[in-house]
Amino acid sequence: MTTETLENVEGRDIGSGVSIIRERTDVDGSGPRLHQHPYRETFVIIHGRARFTIGDSEREGGAGDVLVVPAATPHKFAVIGPEVYEAVHIHESDHFITEWLE
C-alpha cells in the first residue's frame, strides 16, 4: 500500500491565484487530520472514495464528485479502501495556509 502526493503546486510559483495538491493513495483510513484554511478548498475526486468531515457534517465522496469546503471551516477526510483514492485539491490562494486543529 502506498500514499503519494503526485504534485503540490503553489500558484505564486506559476503566476496563478490558486494552489493545487494532486493526491493518490490506497491506504485505507489515510488522510489529513482536522484543519482549516482562510479560503475555500475544492476537492475533485477522480477515483475511489473518502469520508469527509466538513464542519458539523459528514459525507462520502466518490469518483466524479466535487466537494467545496467554505473558508474557515474545519475539515478532514479519510480514504475508504481498498480502492485507490485519487483527487485534485484546489486551494483558492496563491500559497498554502493551513491551521491544524488536531
N, C-alpha and C. Protein backbone atom coordinates (compact mmCIF):
# COMPACT_ATOMS: atom_id res chain seq x y z
N MET A 1 0.85 -1.18 0.00
CA MET A 1 0.00 0.00 0.00
C MET A 1 0.88 1.23 0.00
N THR A 2 0.44 2.24 -0.72
CA THR A 2 1.26 3.42 -0.85
C THR A 2 0.42 4.69 -0.78
N THR A 3 1.05 5.74 -0.32
CA THR A 3 0.48 7.07 -0.38
C THR A 3 1.50 7.94 -1.06
N GLU A 4 1.05 8.72 -2.02
CA GLU A 4 1.97 9.63 -2.66
C GLU A 4 1.25 10.92 -3.01
N THR A 5 1.92 12.01 -2.76
CA THR A 5 1.44 13.28 -3.26
C THR A 5 2.09 13.43 -4.61
N LEU A 6 1.29 13.41 -5.65
CA LEU A 6 1.82 13.45 -7.00
C LEU A 6 2.40 14.81 -7.33
N GLU A 7 1.76 15.84 -6.79
CA GLU A 7 2.22 17.18 -7.13
C GLU A 7 1.60 18.18 -6.18
N ASN A 8 2.41 19.07 -5.65
CA ASN A 8 1.95 20.25 -4.92
C ASN A 8 2.43 21.44 -5.72
N VAL A 9 1.52 22.31 -6.09
CA VAL A 9 1.89 23.50 -6.85
C VAL A 9 1.30 24.71 -6.17
N GLU A 10 2.17 25.62 -5.75
CA GLU A 10 1.69 26.89 -5.22
C GLU A 10 1.55 27.86 -6.38
N GLY A 11 0.38 28.47 -6.46
CA GLY A 11 0.07 29.36 -7.58
C GLY A 11 1.08 30.48 -7.77
N ARG A 12 1.62 31.01 -6.69
CA ARG A 12 2.56 32.14 -6.82
C ARG A 12 3.80 31.74 -7.60
N ASP A 13 4.11 30.44 -7.63
CA ASP A 13 5.28 29.98 -8.37
C ASP A 13 5.04 29.91 -9.87
N ILE A 14 3.77 29.91 -10.27
CA ILE A 14 3.46 29.79 -11.69
C ILE A 14 2.56 30.92 -12.20
N GLY A 15 2.38 31.97 -11.37
CA GLY A 15 1.58 33.11 -11.78
C GLY A 15 0.08 32.87 -11.72
N SER A 16 -0.37 32.01 -10.79
CA SER A 16 -1.79 31.70 -10.65
C SER A 16 -2.29 32.11 -9.27
N GLY A 17 -3.58 32.31 -9.17
CA GLY A 17 -4.20 32.66 -7.89
C GLY A 17 -4.67 31.46 -7.10
N VAL A 18 -4.46 30.24 -7.63
CA VAL A 18 -4.84 29.02 -6.91
C VAL A 18 -3.64 28.10 -6.76
N SER A 19 -3.70 27.26 -5.73
CA SER A 19 -2.67 26.25 -5.48
C SER A 19 -3.34 24.89 -5.50
N ILE A 20 -2.60 23.85 -5.90
CA ILE A 20 -3.20 22.53 -6.00
C ILE A 20 -2.34 21.45 -5.35
N ILE A 21 -3.04 20.41 -4.91
CA ILE A 21 -2.41 19.17 -4.45
C ILE A 21 -3.03 18.06 -5.27
N ARG A 22 -2.21 17.24 -5.89
CA ARG A 22 -2.69 16.02 -6.54
C ARG A 22 -2.29 14.87 -5.64
N GLU A 23 -3.26 14.08 -5.24
CA GLU A 23 -3.00 13.01 -4.28
C GLU A 23 -3.50 11.68 -4.82
N ARG A 24 -2.76 10.62 -4.48
CA ARG A 24 -3.13 9.26 -4.87
C ARG A 24 -2.68 8.34 -3.75
N THR A 25 -3.60 7.52 -3.22
CA THR A 25 -3.26 6.60 -2.14
C THR A 25 -4.19 5.40 -2.15
N ASP A 26 -3.68 4.27 -1.68
CA ASP A 26 -4.52 3.10 -1.48
C ASP A 26 -4.49 2.67 -0.01
N VAL A 27 -4.09 3.59 0.87
CA VAL A 27 -4.03 3.29 2.30
C VAL A 27 -5.37 3.61 2.95
N ASP A 28 -6.11 2.57 3.32
CA ASP A 28 -7.41 2.72 3.95
C ASP A 28 -7.28 3.55 5.22
N GLY A 29 -8.12 4.57 5.36
CA GLY A 29 -8.11 5.41 6.56
C GLY A 29 -7.15 6.58 6.51
N SER A 30 -6.31 6.66 5.50
CA SER A 30 -5.35 7.76 5.44
C SER A 30 -6.04 9.06 5.06
N GLY A 31 -5.44 10.15 5.44
CA GLY A 31 -5.96 11.48 5.15
C GLY A 31 -5.48 12.46 6.20
N PRO A 32 -5.66 13.74 5.95
CA PRO A 32 -5.18 14.75 6.89
C PRO A 32 -6.04 14.83 8.14
N ARG A 33 -5.44 15.24 9.25
CA ARG A 33 -6.20 15.46 10.47
C ARG A 33 -6.97 16.79 10.33
N LEU A 34 -7.83 17.07 11.28
CA LEU A 34 -8.70 18.24 11.23
C LEU A 34 -7.89 19.53 11.08
N HIS A 35 -8.30 20.35 10.12
CA HIS A 35 -7.62 21.61 9.85
C HIS A 35 -8.59 22.57 9.17
N GLN A 36 -8.13 23.80 8.94
CA GLN A 36 -8.93 24.77 8.20
C GLN A 36 -8.00 25.73 7.46
N HIS A 37 -8.59 26.44 6.49
CA HIS A 37 -7.87 27.43 5.69
C HIS A 37 -8.70 28.72 5.68
N PRO A 38 -8.06 29.88 5.48
CA PRO A 38 -8.81 31.13 5.40
C PRO A 38 -9.41 31.36 4.01
N TYR A 39 -9.49 30.33 3.20
CA TYR A 39 -10.03 30.38 1.84
C TYR A 39 -10.75 29.06 1.56
N ARG A 40 -11.53 29.01 0.48
CA ARG A 40 -12.23 27.78 0.11
C ARG A 40 -11.24 26.74 -0.42
N GLU A 41 -11.60 25.46 -0.19
CA GLU A 41 -10.86 24.35 -0.79
C GLU A 41 -11.87 23.48 -1.53
N THR A 42 -11.54 23.11 -2.75
CA THR A 42 -12.41 22.28 -3.58
C THR A 42 -11.71 20.96 -3.84
N PHE A 43 -12.43 19.87 -3.60
CA PHE A 43 -11.92 18.52 -3.84
C PHE A 43 -12.58 17.96 -5.09
N VAL A 44 -11.79 17.59 -6.08
CA VAL A 44 -12.29 16.95 -7.29
C VAL A 44 -11.81 15.50 -7.22
N ILE A 45 -12.74 14.57 -7.00
CA ILE A 45 -12.37 13.17 -6.80
C ILE A 45 -12.41 12.46 -8.15
N ILE A 46 -11.28 11.90 -8.50
CA ILE A 46 -11.12 11.24 -9.79
C ILE A 46 -11.41 9.75 -9.67
N HIS A 47 -10.97 9.15 -8.58
CA HIS A 47 -11.12 7.69 -8.41
C HIS A 47 -11.19 7.38 -6.92
N GLY A 48 -11.93 6.34 -6.56
CA GLY A 48 -12.00 5.90 -5.18
C GLY A 48 -13.01 6.69 -4.36
N ARG A 49 -12.92 6.50 -3.02
CA ARG A 49 -13.88 7.12 -2.11
C ARG A 49 -13.16 7.59 -0.85
N ALA A 50 -13.76 8.58 -0.19
CA ALA A 50 -13.28 9.05 1.11
C ALA A 50 -14.45 9.59 1.90
N ARG A 51 -14.36 9.51 3.22
CA ARG A 51 -15.36 10.08 4.12
C ARG A 51 -14.84 11.44 4.57
N PHE A 52 -15.61 12.48 4.26
CA PHE A 52 -15.23 13.85 4.57
C PHE A 52 -16.02 14.35 5.77
N THR A 53 -15.34 15.02 6.67
CA THR A 53 -15.96 15.79 7.74
C THR A 53 -15.77 17.25 7.36
N ILE A 54 -16.88 17.94 7.19
CA ILE A 54 -16.86 19.36 6.81
C ILE A 54 -17.73 20.10 7.80
N GLY A 55 -17.08 20.84 8.69
CA GLY A 55 -17.83 21.48 9.77
C GLY A 55 -18.46 20.41 10.64
N ASP A 56 -19.78 20.48 10.82
CA ASP A 56 -20.50 19.52 11.66
C ASP A 56 -21.10 18.36 10.87
N SER A 57 -20.85 18.31 9.57
CA SER A 57 -21.45 17.25 8.77
C SER A 57 -20.41 16.27 8.23
N GLU A 58 -20.90 15.07 7.93
CA GLU A 58 -20.05 14.05 7.31
C GLU A 58 -20.70 13.65 6.01
N ARG A 59 -19.86 13.33 5.02
CA ARG A 59 -20.39 12.87 3.75
C ARG A 59 -19.33 12.06 3.04
N GLU A 60 -19.79 11.08 2.29
CA GLU A 60 -18.88 10.28 1.50
C GLU A 60 -18.77 10.90 0.11
N GLY A 61 -17.55 10.99 -0.38
CA GLY A 61 -17.32 11.48 -1.73
C GLY A 61 -16.70 10.37 -2.55
N GLY A 62 -17.11 10.27 -3.80
CA GLY A 62 -16.59 9.24 -4.68
C GLY A 62 -16.25 9.79 -6.05
N ALA A 63 -15.73 8.92 -6.89
CA ALA A 63 -15.30 9.31 -8.23
C ALA A 63 -16.36 10.15 -8.93
N GLY A 64 -15.95 11.28 -9.46
CA GLY A 64 -16.85 12.19 -10.14
C GLY A 64 -17.43 13.27 -9.27
N ASP A 65 -17.30 13.14 -7.95
CA ASP A 65 -17.84 14.15 -7.04
C ASP A 65 -16.90 15.35 -6.91
N VAL A 66 -17.52 16.50 -6.67
CA VAL A 66 -16.79 17.73 -6.37
C VAL A 66 -17.35 18.25 -5.06
N LEU A 67 -16.48 18.41 -4.06
CA LEU A 67 -16.90 18.91 -2.75
C LEU A 67 -16.19 20.23 -2.48
N VAL A 68 -16.94 21.20 -1.97
CA VAL A 68 -16.38 22.51 -1.67
C VAL A 68 -16.47 22.76 -0.18
N VAL A 69 -15.34 23.11 0.42
CA VAL A 69 -15.27 23.44 1.84
C VAL A 69 -15.18 24.96 1.95
N PRO A 70 -16.14 25.60 2.62
CA PRO A 70 -16.08 27.05 2.77
C PRO A 70 -14.85 27.50 3.57
N ALA A 71 -14.47 28.74 3.37
CA ALA A 71 -13.35 29.32 4.12
C ALA A 71 -13.59 29.21 5.62
N ALA A 72 -12.51 29.01 6.37
CA ALA A 72 -12.54 28.96 7.84
C ALA A 72 -13.46 27.87 8.38
N THR A 73 -13.61 26.77 7.64
CA THR A 73 -14.44 25.65 8.07
C THR A 73 -13.55 24.45 8.38
N PRO A 74 -13.57 23.94 9.61
CA PRO A 74 -12.77 22.75 9.93
C PRO A 74 -13.17 21.57 9.05
N HIS A 75 -12.17 20.85 8.57
CA HIS A 75 -12.45 19.70 7.72
C HIS A 75 -11.30 18.70 7.76
N LYS A 76 -11.64 17.47 7.36
CA LYS A 76 -10.67 16.40 7.23
C LYS A 76 -11.31 15.32 6.37
N PHE A 77 -10.51 14.34 5.95
CA PHE A 77 -11.09 13.21 5.23
C PHE A 77 -10.27 11.97 5.52
N ALA A 78 -10.91 10.81 5.31
CA ALA A 78 -10.24 9.52 5.47
C ALA A 78 -10.62 8.66 4.27
N VAL A 79 -9.61 8.08 3.64
CA VAL A 79 -9.82 7.23 2.48
C VAL A 79 -10.58 5.97 2.89
N ILE A 80 -11.52 5.58 2.04
CA ILE A 80 -12.26 4.33 2.23
C ILE A 80 -11.70 3.33 1.23
N GLY A 81 -10.92 2.37 1.72
CA GLY A 81 -10.28 1.39 0.85
C GLY A 81 -11.22 0.27 0.48
N PRO A 82 -10.77 -0.67 -0.28
CA PRO A 82 -9.38 -0.86 -0.72
C PRO A 82 -9.05 -0.16 -2.03
N GLU A 83 -10.02 0.53 -2.63
CA GLU A 83 -9.74 1.22 -3.90
C GLU A 83 -8.72 2.33 -3.72
N VAL A 84 -8.05 2.66 -4.80
CA VAL A 84 -7.14 3.80 -4.81
C VAL A 84 -7.96 5.08 -4.82
N TYR A 85 -7.61 6.02 -3.93
CA TYR A 85 -8.21 7.35 -3.91
C TYR A 85 -7.29 8.26 -4.71
N GLU A 86 -7.85 8.94 -5.70
CA GLU A 86 -7.08 9.90 -6.47
C GLU A 86 -7.91 11.16 -6.62
N ALA A 87 -7.31 12.29 -6.30
CA ALA A 87 -8.07 13.54 -6.32
C ALA A 87 -7.15 14.73 -6.54
N VAL A 88 -7.77 15.82 -6.94
CA VAL A 88 -7.10 17.11 -7.03
C VAL A 88 -7.76 18.01 -5.99
N HIS A 89 -6.95 18.60 -5.13
CA HIS A 89 -7.43 19.51 -4.09
C HIS A 89 -7.03 20.92 -4.51
N ILE A 90 -8.01 21.80 -4.70
CA ILE A 90 -7.76 23.14 -5.19
C ILE A 90 -7.93 24.14 -4.04
N HIS A 91 -6.86 24.85 -3.74
CA HIS A 91 -6.85 25.86 -2.69
C HIS A 91 -6.97 27.23 -3.34
N GLU A 92 -7.98 28.01 -2.95
CA GLU A 92 -8.20 29.32 -3.55
C GLU A 92 -7.27 30.37 -2.94
N SER A 93 -5.98 30.13 -3.10
CA SER A 93 -4.93 31.02 -2.60
C SER A 93 -3.69 30.76 -3.44
N ASP A 94 -2.86 31.77 -3.59
CA ASP A 94 -1.64 31.56 -4.37
C ASP A 94 -0.54 30.85 -3.56
N HIS A 95 -0.87 30.52 -2.29
CA HIS A 95 0.03 29.69 -1.47
C HIS A 95 -0.80 28.99 -0.39
N PHE A 96 -0.25 27.91 0.14
CA PHE A 96 -0.97 27.12 1.14
C PHE A 96 -0.90 27.79 2.50
N ILE A 97 -2.07 27.90 3.15
CA ILE A 97 -2.17 28.42 4.52
C ILE A 97 -3.05 27.43 5.28
N THR A 98 -2.48 26.74 6.25
CA THR A 98 -3.22 25.71 6.98
C THR A 98 -3.08 25.90 8.47
N GLU A 99 -4.21 25.89 9.16
CA GLU A 99 -4.23 25.90 10.62
C GLU A 99 -4.67 24.52 11.08
N TRP A 100 -3.75 23.79 11.71
CA TRP A 100 -4.05 22.43 12.18
C TRP A 100 -4.81 22.51 13.50
N LEU A 101 -5.93 21.79 13.58
CA LEU A 101 -6.80 21.86 14.74
C LEU A 101 -6.72 20.62 15.62
N GLU A 102 -6.08 19.56 15.14
CA GLU A 102 -5.85 18.36 15.96
C GLU A 102 -4.58 17.69 15.49
